[in-house]
Amino acid sequence: MTNDNICTEEEYNPFIFYVKQTFYPPDRWSRYKKMYNRAMKKPVYKVFFDTSILLYDHKYPIHAGVKKFVQDNKNNKDIDISFYVPYIVQEEFKKNNICELMKRKDSYNNRARGITDMVSTEVIVEYKPNEKSLERYFEKILLDLHIQVIPTPIKEIDFQQIIEKAIHYDPPFEASEKEKGFKDSIAVETFLFYAKSQGEGPIYVFVCNDKILREYVGSISAIIKNIQVYDSCEQFDSRLKLEIAAKNSEKKIEVLTQAALFAFNDETNPDALFYDRKIKIKEQIYLKYKNLIDKPRIENKMFVEDGLLSDPILHPVDGGAIWRLSTPVFVKEKSDKYIEWKSHVVYSRNYNVQGQYRIGGIEGMSMSYYTYILEFEVNWEAEINEKSEIVKATLLGIEHINTKSRPASLSDVMSVPYLSGDSLTASGIGTALTSGYLDVSDSRFSSPYFNFNDAFHSHSSSHSHNSHSHDSHSKNSHSHTTPQRSKK
């Protein structure tokens, strides 16, 4: 290197690059790395995770999807990527993990004491965690993943503005029984301050599963061009793979993304794979996973931890099943003509759960509402033309990937969310997908009152509402021709 501003051509040799990374002082290496990336035209991403992503779906101590995404991309040769959390997110991450651990500790110790009482001797040692050591342990989880913590820029935050938003419930605040919005505001302000202080070169990504917070950051990203917002690591990973496959052609990326939505999701497209009358994805899911749909299993912690005296009785709540359909995720480019995608479909149904239980020697009846959820993955292949338009979509398979249940909210029980057909058109589908999924009601799949013959007959005359599938055991793929989307 002749000086701090110029890199000779031979210094871009990968071996020399590695040596400089290993032995250069941090400040000089940082300058060299920036020049190297400009020369090699590698896009630079600064990725921030929200707590809703780190602990998505209450997966402790950290969601496996985050670990996989970081490990898969930290050494990606096509991009320069680094990972961050605001300080307040790290603290919330630690606190939530410790609270969950304390709940499990109490349950464990209660069971241990119960066994000790029965055999009149101490056979199990109670768990007594040290909170300080736990904090260091959970900090190390982020450190081991090379996720950096960004301090809160207290002097730069306009707290008066945050107070005004809190008073009027302006995003990211919302009216709820518990305080919701302050920690989100601090996290976003930290993210924005960092983005502004680092300059316009990198792309700053905020990954968040909280709909209101995501939409709030999304409204800012409409003003600041180098900010992007995603609802999951998987969606952002799909975008990264698509950018690499499309050689960073923004136009081609957008064409392919919209083409995938049109070919699989769009209700106005009569040949969209999800609605295809011959393939019948919903019916395939029901046939293959009939037992899972007809015989739901509700996970009730009270029943599990304190003892269930009778099998719970499940009464389906009026309103039918809900099918949630995700934005298609790019998997890989098989050739110049074929691209593999996957789409997630979530089936959910609300139940009134009744059961007899025992708590501390006292018996009683429990009645609560739960949502039973089945997650499926549909793999499909798209044939594209020279304009990056999808001319044919082929179903590759359907696979069940997860079963879970959660306490149903009042809104879950009292109403069935439905997005009108107008919001599902090709032009409006982006707005409809801000939550990552489309919610569609389908009373025909209201197991156990589902009439399978009626479903097939009605499907032949009109489209079913929404679904998603992947049949790993299916030997014969199904395909159809998709009309090219008209230009507007």
Protein backbone atom coordinates (compact mmCIF):
# COMPACT_ATOMS: atom_id res chain seq x y z
CA MET A 1 0.00 0.00 0.00
CA THR A 2 1.64 3.22 -1.15
CA ASN A 3 -0.43 5.46 1.14
CA ASP A 4 -3.67 5.51 3.08
CA ASN A 5 -5.78 6.51 0.06
CA ILE A 6 -4.46 4.28 -2.72
CA CYS A 7 -4.43 0.49 -3.10
CA THR A 8 -2.26 -1.03 -5.82
CA GLU A 9 -3.79 -3.70 -8.01
CA GLU A 10 -1.68 -6.52 -6.60
CA GLU A 11 -2.81 -5.67 -3.07
CA TYR A 12 -6.29 -6.94 -3.94
CA ASN A 13 -4.82 -10.42 -4.11
CA PRO A 14 -6.90 -12.54 -1.66
CA PHE A 15 -3.85 -13.75 0.24
CA ILE A 16 -2.51 -10.23 0.75
CA PHE A 17 -6.04 -9.15 1.73
CA TYR A 18 -6.09 -11.85 4.43
CA VAL A 19 -2.63 -10.88 5.71
CA LYS A 20 -3.60 -7.22 5.97
CA GLN A 21 -6.83 -8.13 7.77
CA THR A 22 -4.83 -10.19 10.27
CA PHE A 23 -1.90 -7.85 10.95
CA TYR A 24 -2.96 -4.29 10.11
CA PRO A 25 -3.85 -1.91 12.96
CA PRO A 26 -7.67 -1.63 13.24
CA ASP A 27 -7.85 1.98 11.99
CA ARG A 28 -5.69 1.34 8.92
CA TRP A 29 -7.41 -1.98 8.18
CA SER A 30 -10.81 -0.25 8.27
CA ARG A 31 -9.71 2.23 5.59
CA TYR A 32 -8.19 -0.51 3.48
CA LYS A 33 -11.35 -2.64 3.74
CA LYS A 34 -13.56 0.21 2.52
CA MET A 35 -11.31 0.78 -0.51
CA TYR A 36 -11.18 -2.96 -1.18
CA ASN A 37 -14.97 -3.25 -1.18
CA ARG A 38 -15.33 -0.25 -3.50
CA ALA A 39 -12.81 -1.76 -5.89
CA MET A 40 -14.51 -5.16 -5.84
CA LYS A 41 -17.99 -3.53 -5.94
CA LYS A 42 -19.24 -5.56 -3.00
CA PRO A 43 -22.44 -4.20 -1.43
CA VAL A 44 -22.08 -3.33 2.26
CA TYR A 45 -24.87 -4.21 4.70
CA LYS A 46 -25.26 -3.13 8.32
CA VAL A 47 -27.95 -5.38 9.79
CA PHE A 48 -29.79 -4.49 13.03
CA PHE A 49 -31.93 -7.05 14.87
CA ASP A 50 -34.91 -6.19 17.06
CA THR A 51 -35.82 -8.25 20.14
CA SER A 52 -38.87 -9.56 18.27
CA ILE A 53 -36.44 -11.28 15.88
CA LEU A 54 -33.89 -12.53 18.41
CA LEU A 55 -36.68 -14.18 20.44
CA TYR A 56 -39.19 -14.72 17.62
CA ASP A 57 -41.97 -17.15 18.53
CA HIS A 58 -40.62 -17.27 22.13
CA LYS A 59 -37.66 -19.43 21.10
CA TYR A 60 -35.07 -19.18 23.90
CA PRO A 61 -32.26 -18.33 24.34
CA ILE A 62 -32.16 -17.11 20.70
CA HIS A 63 -34.15 -18.05 17.63
CA ALA A 64 -32.40 -20.65 15.47
CA GLY A 65 -33.24 -18.64 12.34
CA VAL A 66 -31.05 -15.76 13.55
CA LYS A 67 -28.11 -18.07 14.24
CA LYS A 68 -28.42 -19.74 10.85
CA PHE A 69 -28.71 -16.43 9.01
CA VAL A 70 -25.62 -14.96 10.71
CA GLN A 71 -23.53 -18.12 10.31
CA ASP A 72 -24.51 -18.52 6.65
CA ASN A 73 -23.71 -14.92 5.72
CA LYS A 74 -20.84 -13.72 7.92
CA ASN A 75 -18.30 -15.17 5.46
CA ASN A 76 -20.33 -14.51 2.31
CA LYS A 77 -17.78 -13.55 -0.35
CA ASP A 78 -20.34 -11.66 -2.45
CA ILE A 79 -21.20 -9.09 0.22
CA ASP A 80 -19.68 -7.25 3.17
CA ILE A 81 -22.10 -7.74 6.03
CA SER A 82 -21.98 -6.98 9.76
CA PHE A 83 -24.56 -7.48 12.51
CA TYR A 84 -25.74 -5.22 15.34
CA VAL A 85 -28.26 -4.69 18.11
CA PRO A 86 -29.02 -1.43 19.92
CA TYR A 87 -27.97 -1.52 23.58
CA ILE A 88 -31.61 -1.47 24.71
CA VAL A 89 -32.32 -4.57 22.58
CA GLN A 90 -29.40 -6.41 24.19
CA GLU A 91 -30.75 -5.55 27.65
CA GLU A 92 -34.27 -6.62 26.73
CA PHE A 93 -32.88 -9.83 25.23
CA LYS A 94 -31.07 -10.61 28.48
CA LYS A 95 -34.05 -9.70 30.67
CA ASN A 96 -36.54 -11.79 28.69
CA ASN A 97 -34.23 -14.80 28.74
CA ILE A 98 -33.66 -14.49 32.49
CA CYS A 99 -37.41 -14.11 33.17
CA GLU A 100 -38.14 -17.22 31.11
CA LEU A 101 -35.39 -19.12 32.90
CA MET A 102 -36.82 -18.10 36.31
CA LYS A 103 -40.25 -19.39 35.28
CA ARG A 104 -38.73 -22.71 34.26
CA LYS A 105 -36.66 -22.75 37.48
CA ASP A 106 -39.81 -22.36 39.62
CA SER A 107 -41.53 -25.17 37.72
CA TYR A 108 -38.46 -27.39 38.04
CA ASN A 109 -38.07 -26.70 41.76
CA ASN A 110 -41.78 -27.33 42.44
CA ARG A 111 -41.49 -30.71 40.75
CA ALA A 112 -38.27 -31.45 42.64
CA ARG A 113 -39.96 -30.69 45.97
CA GLY A 114 -42.92 -32.85 44.96
CA ILE A 115 -40.63 -35.83 44.35
CA THR A 116 -38.75 -35.17 47.61
CA ASP A 117 -42.05 -35.13 49.56
CA MET A 118 -43.06 -38.50 48.08
CA VAL A 119 -39.83 -40.37 48.87
CA SER A 120 -38.99 -38.46 52.09
CA THR A 121 -35.47 -37.71 51.01
CA GLU A 122 -33.70 -35.10 48.92
CA VAL A 123 -33.02 -36.82 45.62
CA ILE A 124 -33.08 -33.75 43.40
CA VAL A 125 -31.13 -30.55 43.98
CA GLU A 126 -33.02 -27.29 43.46
CA TYR A 127 -31.70 -24.97 40.75
CA LYS A 128 -30.47 -21.61 42.13
CA PRO A 129 -29.10 -19.48 39.29
CA ASN A 130 -26.85 -16.45 39.71
CA GLU A 131 -28.39 -13.51 37.81
CA LYS A 132 -25.07 -11.76 37.12
CA SER A 133 -23.55 -14.89 35.60
CA LEU A 134 -26.71 -15.36 33.54
CA GLU A 135 -26.37 -11.84 32.15
CA ARG A 136 -22.79 -12.57 31.08
CA TYR A 137 -23.92 -15.87 29.55
CA PHE A 138 -26.62 -14.25 27.39
CA GLU A 139 -24.26 -11.43 26.40
CA LYS A 140 -21.81 -14.09 25.21
CA ILE A 141 -24.48 -15.60 22.94
CA LEU A 142 -24.54 -12.36 20.94
CA LEU A 143 -20.77 -11.96 21.14
CA ASP A 144 -20.15 -15.46 19.77
CA LEU A 145 -22.34 -14.61 16.77
CA HIS A 146 -20.28 -11.44 16.16
CA ILE A 147 -23.36 -9.30 16.84
CA GLN A 148 -22.08 -5.90 17.97
CA VAL A 149 -23.88 -3.75 20.53
CA ILE A 150 -24.44 -0.08 19.62
CA PRO A 151 -24.62 2.33 22.60
CA THR A 152 -27.70 4.48 23.06
CA PRO A 153 -26.97 8.04 21.77
CA ILE A 154 -28.72 9.68 24.74
CA LYS A 155 -27.63 13.24 23.89
CA GLU A 156 -28.89 12.91 20.31
CA ILE A 157 -32.37 11.59 21.09
CA ASP A 158 -35.28 14.04 21.14
CA PHE A 159 -37.09 12.76 24.23
CA GLN A 160 -39.70 15.53 24.02
CA GLN A 161 -40.77 14.17 20.64
CA ILE A 162 -40.94 10.64 22.09
CA ILE A 163 -43.14 11.92 24.94
CA GLU A 164 -45.50 13.59 22.45
CA LYS A 165 -45.77 10.37 20.45
CA ALA A 166 -46.49 8.41 23.63
CA ILE A 167 -49.27 10.81 24.65
CA HIS A 168 -51.00 10.61 21.27
CA TYR A 169 -50.20 6.93 20.63
CA ASP A 170 -48.31 7.80 17.47
CA PRO A 171 -46.15 4.96 16.06
CA PRO A 172 -44.25 3.15 17.37
CA PHE A 173 -46.54 3.62 20.40
CA GLU A 174 -49.91 1.91 20.54
CA ALA A 175 -52.82 1.85 22.94
CA SER A 176 -52.64 -1.35 24.99
CA GLU A 177 -52.94 -2.63 28.55
CA LYS A 178 -49.14 -2.60 28.95
CA GLU A 179 -46.69 0.14 28.00
CA LYS A 180 -45.71 -0.40 24.38
CA GLY A 181 -43.45 1.86 22.40
CA PHE A 182 -40.76 3.47 24.55
CA LYS A 183 -38.11 0.76 24.17
CA ASP A 184 -39.01 0.49 20.49
CA SER A 185 -38.49 4.23 20.09
CA ILE A 186 -35.03 4.09 21.69
CA ALA A 187 -34.05 1.12 19.51
CA VAL A 188 -35.11 2.93 16.32
CA GLU A 189 -33.42 6.19 17.33
CA THR A 190 -30.18 4.25 17.94
CA PHE A 191 -30.49 2.60 14.54
CA LEU A 192 -31.17 5.90 12.75
CA PHE A 193 -28.35 7.76 14.53
CA TYR A 194 -25.89 5.03 13.56
CA ALA A 195 -27.08 5.07 9.93
CA LYS A 196 -26.74 8.84 9.68
CA SER A 197 -23.32 8.91 11.36
CA GLN A 198 -21.84 6.22 9.11
CA GLY A 199 -22.67 7.87 5.80
CA GLU A 200 -24.62 6.87 2.69
CA GLY A 201 -22.34 4.10 1.38
CA PRO A 202 -23.70 1.06 3.27
CA ILE A 203 -27.25 -0.26 3.23
CA TYR A 204 -28.77 -0.20 6.72
CA VAL A 205 -31.20 -3.04 7.41
CA PHE A 206 -33.67 -3.24 10.30
CA VAL A 207 -35.12 -6.72 10.87
CA CYS A 208 -38.23 -6.67 13.04
CA ASN A 209 -41.28 -8.89 13.53
CA ASP A 210 -43.33 -6.21 15.30
CA LYS A 211 -45.81 -4.93 12.70
CA ILE A 212 -46.29 -1.40 14.10
CA LEU A 213 -42.55 -0.89 14.66
CA ARG A 214 -41.74 -2.28 11.21
CA GLU A 215 -44.24 0.03 9.52
CA TYR A 216 -42.84 2.98 11.48
CA VAL A 217 -39.29 2.28 10.30
CA GLY A 218 -40.69 1.58 6.84
CA SER A 219 -42.17 5.08 6.72
CA ILE A 220 -38.70 6.46 7.49
CA SER A 221 -37.08 4.25 4.84
CA ALA A 222 -39.33 5.92 2.26
CA ILE A 223 -37.43 9.16 3.01
CA ILE A 224 -33.93 7.77 3.64
CA LYS A 225 -33.03 5.65 0.62
CA ASN A 226 -30.29 3.51 2.16
CA ILE A 227 -32.58 2.02 4.85
CA GLN A 228 -34.39 -1.29 4.32
CA VAL A 229 -36.87 -3.08 6.60
CA TYR A 230 -37.68 -6.81 6.70
CA ASP A 231 -40.00 -8.90 8.86
CA SER A 232 -37.69 -11.91 9.17
CA CYS A 233 -34.13 -13.07 8.57
CA GLU A 234 -35.49 -15.43 5.95
CA GLN A 235 -37.06 -12.60 3.93
CA PHE A 236 -33.85 -10.58 4.02
CA ASP A 237 -31.79 -13.66 3.15
CA SER A 238 -34.09 -14.21 0.17
CA ARG A 239 -33.42 -10.65 -0.98
CA LEU A 240 -29.65 -11.12 -0.63
CA LYS A 241 -29.66 -14.32 -2.69
CA LEU A 242 -31.88 -12.70 -5.28
CA GLU A 243 -29.57 -9.68 -5.55
CA ILE A 244 -26.55 -11.93 -6.07
CA ALA A 245 -28.39 -14.00 -8.68
CA ALA A 246 -29.63 -10.86 -10.45
CA LYS A 247 -26.12 -9.34 -10.27
CA ASN A 248 -27.49 -6.44 -8.19
CA SER A 249 -29.80 -5.30 -10.99
CA GLU A 250 -32.50 -3.45 -9.02
CA LYS A 251 -34.90 -3.62 -11.96
CA LYS A 252 -34.51 -7.38 -12.40
CA ILE A 253 -34.89 -7.95 -8.66
CA GLU A 254 -38.18 -6.04 -8.52
CA VAL A 255 -39.47 -7.75 -11.67
CA LEU A 256 -38.71 -11.21 -10.27
CA THR A 257 -40.19 -10.39 -6.84
CA GLN A 258 -43.45 -9.09 -8.29
CA ALA A 259 -43.55 -11.95 -10.79
CA ALA A 260 -43.29 -14.48 -7.95
CA LEU A 261 -46.14 -12.78 -6.08
CA PHE A 262 -48.25 -12.80 -9.21
CA ALA A 263 -47.45 -16.45 -10.04
CA PHE A 264 -48.19 -17.83 -6.56
CA ASN A 265 -50.13 -15.38 -4.37
CA ASP A 266 -52.30 -13.18 -6.55
CA GLU A 267 -55.99 -13.97 -6.20
CA THR A 268 -56.79 -12.04 -9.37
CA ASN A 269 -54.58 -14.38 -11.40
CA PRO A 270 -56.76 -17.46 -12.16
CA ASP A 271 -53.63 -19.53 -12.83
CA ALA A 272 -51.73 -18.52 -9.70
CA LEU A 273 -50.23 -21.70 -8.26
CA PHE A 274 -51.94 -21.33 -4.90
CA TYR A 275 -55.38 -21.01 -6.49
CA ASP A 276 -54.90 -23.47 -9.35
CA ARG A 277 -58.02 -25.63 -9.73
CA LYS A 278 -56.11 -28.72 -10.81
CA ILE A 279 -53.31 -28.64 -8.25
CA LYS A 280 -55.54 -27.77 -5.24
CA ILE A 281 -52.81 -27.04 -2.70
CA LYS A 282 -55.19 -26.78 0.27
CA GLU A 283 -56.75 -30.12 -0.51
CA GLN A 284 -53.29 -31.69 -0.87
CA ILE A 285 -52.38 -30.37 2.57
CA TYR A 286 -55.58 -31.75 4.06
CA LEU A 287 -55.15 -35.19 2.45
CA LYS A 288 -51.53 -35.52 3.52
CA TYR A 289 -51.93 -34.05 7.02
CA LYS A 290 -55.54 -34.96 7.82
CA ASN A 291 -54.70 -36.24 11.30
CA LEU A 292 -52.93 -33.02 12.25
CA ILE A 293 -55.90 -30.91 11.13
CA ASP A 294 -58.68 -33.15 12.49
CA LYS A 295 -56.98 -33.98 15.81
CA PRO A 296 -55.48 -30.78 17.20
CA ARG A 297 -53.20 -30.93 20.23
CA ILE A 298 -53.23 -27.86 22.47
CA GLU A 299 -50.16 -27.11 24.58
CA ASN A 300 -51.51 -25.79 27.88
CA LYS A 301 -48.68 -25.08 30.35
CA MET A 302 -51.03 -25.35 33.32
CA PHE A 303 -52.07 -28.84 32.27
CA VAL A 304 -48.47 -29.92 31.71
CA GLU A 305 -46.90 -28.42 34.83
CA ASP A 306 -49.63 -29.00 37.43
CA GLY A 307 -51.25 -32.22 36.28
CA LEU A 308 -54.19 -32.86 33.93
CA LEU A 309 -56.85 -35.15 35.35
CA SER A 310 -58.77 -35.60 32.10
CA ASP A 311 -58.11 -35.12 28.41
CA PRO A 312 -58.99 -31.55 27.41
CA ILE A 313 -62.16 -31.15 25.40
CA LEU A 314 -61.76 -28.91 22.35
CA HIS A 315 -64.71 -26.98 20.91
CA PRO A 316 -63.95 -25.14 17.65
CA VAL A 317 -64.89 -21.46 17.72
CA ASP A 318 -67.25 -20.20 15.01
CA GLY A 319 -65.55 -18.42 12.12
CA GLY A 320 -63.62 -21.20 10.45
CA ALA A 321 -59.94 -21.67 9.80
CA ILE A 322 -57.44 -18.98 8.84
CA TRP A 323 -54.80 -19.58 6.17
CA ARG A 324 -51.85 -17.17 6.18
CA LEU A 325 -49.78 -16.99 3.02
CA SER A 326 -46.23 -15.59 3.03
CA THR A 327 -44.32 -13.62 0.46
CA PRO A 328 -42.40 -16.10 -1.76
CA VAL A 329 -38.81 -16.64 -0.63
CA PHE A 330 -36.04 -16.98 -3.22
CA VAL A 331 -34.17 -20.30 -2.79
CA LYS A 332 -31.74 -20.55 -5.71
CA GLU A 333 -31.26 -19.97 -9.41
CA LYS A 334 -31.12 -23.38 -11.07
CA SER A 335 -30.23 -21.99 -14.49
CA ASP A 336 -30.86 -18.93 -16.64
CA LYS A 337 -34.44 -20.15 -17.15
CA TYR A 338 -35.40 -21.73 -13.82
CA ILE A 339 -35.62 -20.33 -10.29
CA GLU A 340 -36.66 -22.23 -7.17
CA TRP A 341 -38.88 -20.50 -4.59
CA LYS A 342 -40.58 -21.47 -1.36
CA SER A 343 -43.69 -20.07 0.26
CA HIS A 344 -44.93 -20.54 3.81
CA VAL A 345 -48.54 -21.32 4.60
CA VAL A 346 -49.91 -21.20 8.13
CA TYR A 347 -53.20 -22.89 9.05
CA SER A 348 -54.79 -21.69 12.31
CA ARG A 349 -58.02 -22.48 14.13
CA ASN A 350 -59.41 -21.14 17.42
CA TYR A 351 -60.66 -23.58 20.07
CA ASN A 352 -62.42 -23.36 23.42
CA VAL A 353 -60.32 -25.71 25.61
CA GLN A 354 -61.90 -27.26 28.70
CA GLY A 355 -60.17 -29.61 31.12
CA GLN A 356 -60.00 -30.73 34.74
CA TYR A 357 -56.72 -30.02 36.55
CA ARG A 358 -55.03 -30.22 39.95
CA ILE A 359 -52.97 -27.38 41.44
CA GLY A 360 -51.33 -27.95 44.83
CA GLY A 361 -53.85 -30.66 45.71
CA ILE A 362 -56.83 -28.51 44.67
CA GLU A 363 -58.89 -29.72 41.72
CA GLY A 364 -60.86 -27.53 39.37
CA MET A 365 -62.12 -26.96 35.83
CA SER A 366 -60.27 -24.80 33.34
CA MET A 367 -61.76 -23.11 30.31
CA SER A 368 -59.66 -21.01 27.95
CA TYR A 369 -59.31 -20.10 24.28
CA TYR A 370 -56.35 -21.32 22.27
CA THR A 371 -55.22 -20.96 18.68
CA TYR A 372 -54.00 -24.18 17.06
CA ILE A 373 -51.37 -23.51 14.38
CA LEU A 374 -49.86 -25.69 11.65
CA GLU A 375 -47.02 -24.37 9.49
CA PHE A 376 -46.32 -25.72 6.01
CA GLU A 377 -43.65 -25.04 3.40
CA VAL A 378 -44.31 -25.16 -0.33
CA ASN A 379 -41.40 -25.51 -2.73
CA TRP A 380 -42.07 -24.50 -6.31
CA GLU A 381 -40.14 -23.76 -9.47
CA ALA A 382 -40.59 -20.84 -11.87
CA GLU A 383 -39.65 -20.82 -15.52
CA ILE A 384 -38.71 -17.28 -16.63
CA ASN A 385 -38.26 -15.63 -20.01
CA GLU A 386 -35.67 -13.10 -21.16
CA LYS A 387 -37.69 -10.28 -19.53
CA SER A 388 -37.55 -12.03 -16.13
CA GLU A 389 -41.28 -12.75 -16.33
CA ILE A 390 -42.57 -16.07 -15.01
CA VAL A 391 -44.21 -18.07 -17.79
CA LYS A 392 -44.74 -21.32 -15.89
CA ALA A 393 -44.84 -22.34 -12.22
CA THR A 394 -44.39 -25.94 -11.08
CA LEU A 395 -45.23 -27.35 -7.67
CA LEU A 396 -42.30 -29.35 -6.27
CA GLY A 397 -43.69 -30.42 -2.93
CA ILE A 398 -45.44 -29.74 0.37
CA GLU A 399 -44.00 -30.30 3.83
CA HIS A 400 -45.29 -29.78 7.37
CA ILE A 401 -42.59 -27.91 9.32
CA ASN A 402 -44.11 -26.95 12.68
CA THR A 403 -47.06 -27.42 15.05
CA LYS A 404 -47.78 -25.06 17.93
CA SER A 405 -50.54 -23.44 19.94
CA ARG A 406 -50.90 -20.21 21.86
CA PRO A 407 -53.54 -18.51 24.01
CA ALA A 408 -56.03 -16.80 21.70
CA SER A 409 -56.57 -13.06 22.06
CA LEU A 410 -60.04 -11.54 22.29
CA SER A 411 -59.75 -10.31 18.70
CA ASP A 412 -58.84 -13.86 17.60
CA VAL A 413 -62.00 -15.25 19.15
CA MET A 414 -64.46 -12.47 18.28
CA SER A 415 -63.50 -11.94 14.65
CA VAL A 416 -61.88 -13.60 11.68
CA PRO A 417 -59.37 -11.33 9.90
CA TYR A 418 -59.97 -11.04 6.17
CA LEU A 419 -58.26 -9.01 3.50
CA SER A 420 -60.51 -7.97 0.66
CA GLY A 421 -59.80 -9.12 -2.87
CA ASP A 422 -58.88 -5.57 -3.90
CA SER A 423 -55.88 -5.56 -1.58
CA LEU A 424 -54.65 -8.82 -3.07
CA THR A 425 -54.24 -7.59 -6.62
CA ALA A 426 -50.78 -7.51 -8.16
CA SER A 427 -50.58 -3.74 -7.75
CA GLY A 428 -51.72 -3.74 -4.13
CA ILE A 429 -50.14 -6.92 -2.86
CA GLY A 430 -47.12 -5.12 -1.40
CA THR A 431 -49.34 -3.25 1.04
CA ALA A 432 -51.24 -6.39 1.96
CA LEU A 433 -48.00 -8.18 2.75
CA THR A 434 -46.59 -5.66 5.22
CA SER A 435 -47.10 -8.21 7.99
CA GLY A 436 -45.34 -10.89 5.95
CA TYR A 437 -48.52 -12.95 5.55
CA LEU A 438 -51.95 -12.65 4.01
CA ASP A 439 -54.80 -13.59 6.38
CA VAL A 440 -57.69 -15.33 4.68
CA SER A 441 -60.73 -16.97 6.29
CA ASP A 442 -61.98 -20.35 5.06
CA SER A 443 -64.98 -21.80 6.85
CA ARG A 444 -64.86 -24.96 4.72
CA PHE A 445 -61.78 -26.11 6.59
CA SER A 446 -63.38 -25.73 10.03
CA SER A 447 -62.31 -29.14 11.29
CA PRO A 448 -63.97 -31.19 12.74
CA TYR A 449 -67.01 -29.96 10.77
CA PHE A 450 -65.13 -29.98 7.48
CA ASN A 451 -67.08 -31.54 4.60
CA PHE A 452 -64.35 -32.77 2.28
CA ASN A 453 -66.65 -33.63 -0.66
CA ASP A 454 -68.29 -30.20 -0.53
CA ALA A 455 -64.85 -28.60 -0.54
CA PHE A 456 -63.84 -30.35 -3.72
CA HIS A 457 -67.12 -29.51 -5.45
CA SER A 458 -67.03 -25.84 -4.46
CA HIS A 459 -63.38 -25.58 -5.49
CA SER A 460 -64.23 -26.67 -9.03
CA SER A 461 -66.56 -23.70 -9.46
CA SER A 462 -64.72 -21.02 -7.49
CA HIS A 463 -61.27 -20.42 -6.03
CA SER A 464 -60.51 -21.37 -2.45
CA HIS A 465 -59.18 -18.51 -0.34
CA ASN A 466 -55.54 -19.15 0.55
CA SER A 467 -52.94 -21.82 1.29
CA HIS A 468 -49.44 -23.18 0.88
CA SER A 469 -47.76 -26.56 0.37
CA HIS A 470 -44.73 -28.77 -0.14
CA ASP A 471 -44.97 -32.57 -0.68
CA SER A 472 -41.55 -34.08 -0.17
CA HIS A 473 -42.94 -37.54 -0.94
CA SER A 474 -44.73 -36.56 -4.14
CA LYS A 475 -43.14 -38.14 -7.20
CA ASN A 476 -45.13 -36.25 -9.80
CA SER A 477 -44.78 -32.47 -9.97
CA HIS A 478 -47.65 -30.31 -11.15
CA SER A 479 -47.25 -27.34 -13.43
CA HIS A 480 -49.28 -24.79 -15.29
CA THR A 481 -48.73 -21.83 -17.55
CA THR A 482 -48.99 -18.41 -15.96
CA PRO A 483 -50.08 -15.51 -18.17
CA GLN A 484 -47.56 -12.67 -18.23
CA ARG A 485 -48.46 -9.76 -16.07
CA SER A 486 -49.71 -6.75 -17.96
CA LYS A 487 -47.66 -3.58 -17.68
CA LYS A 488 -49.28 -0.66 -15.96
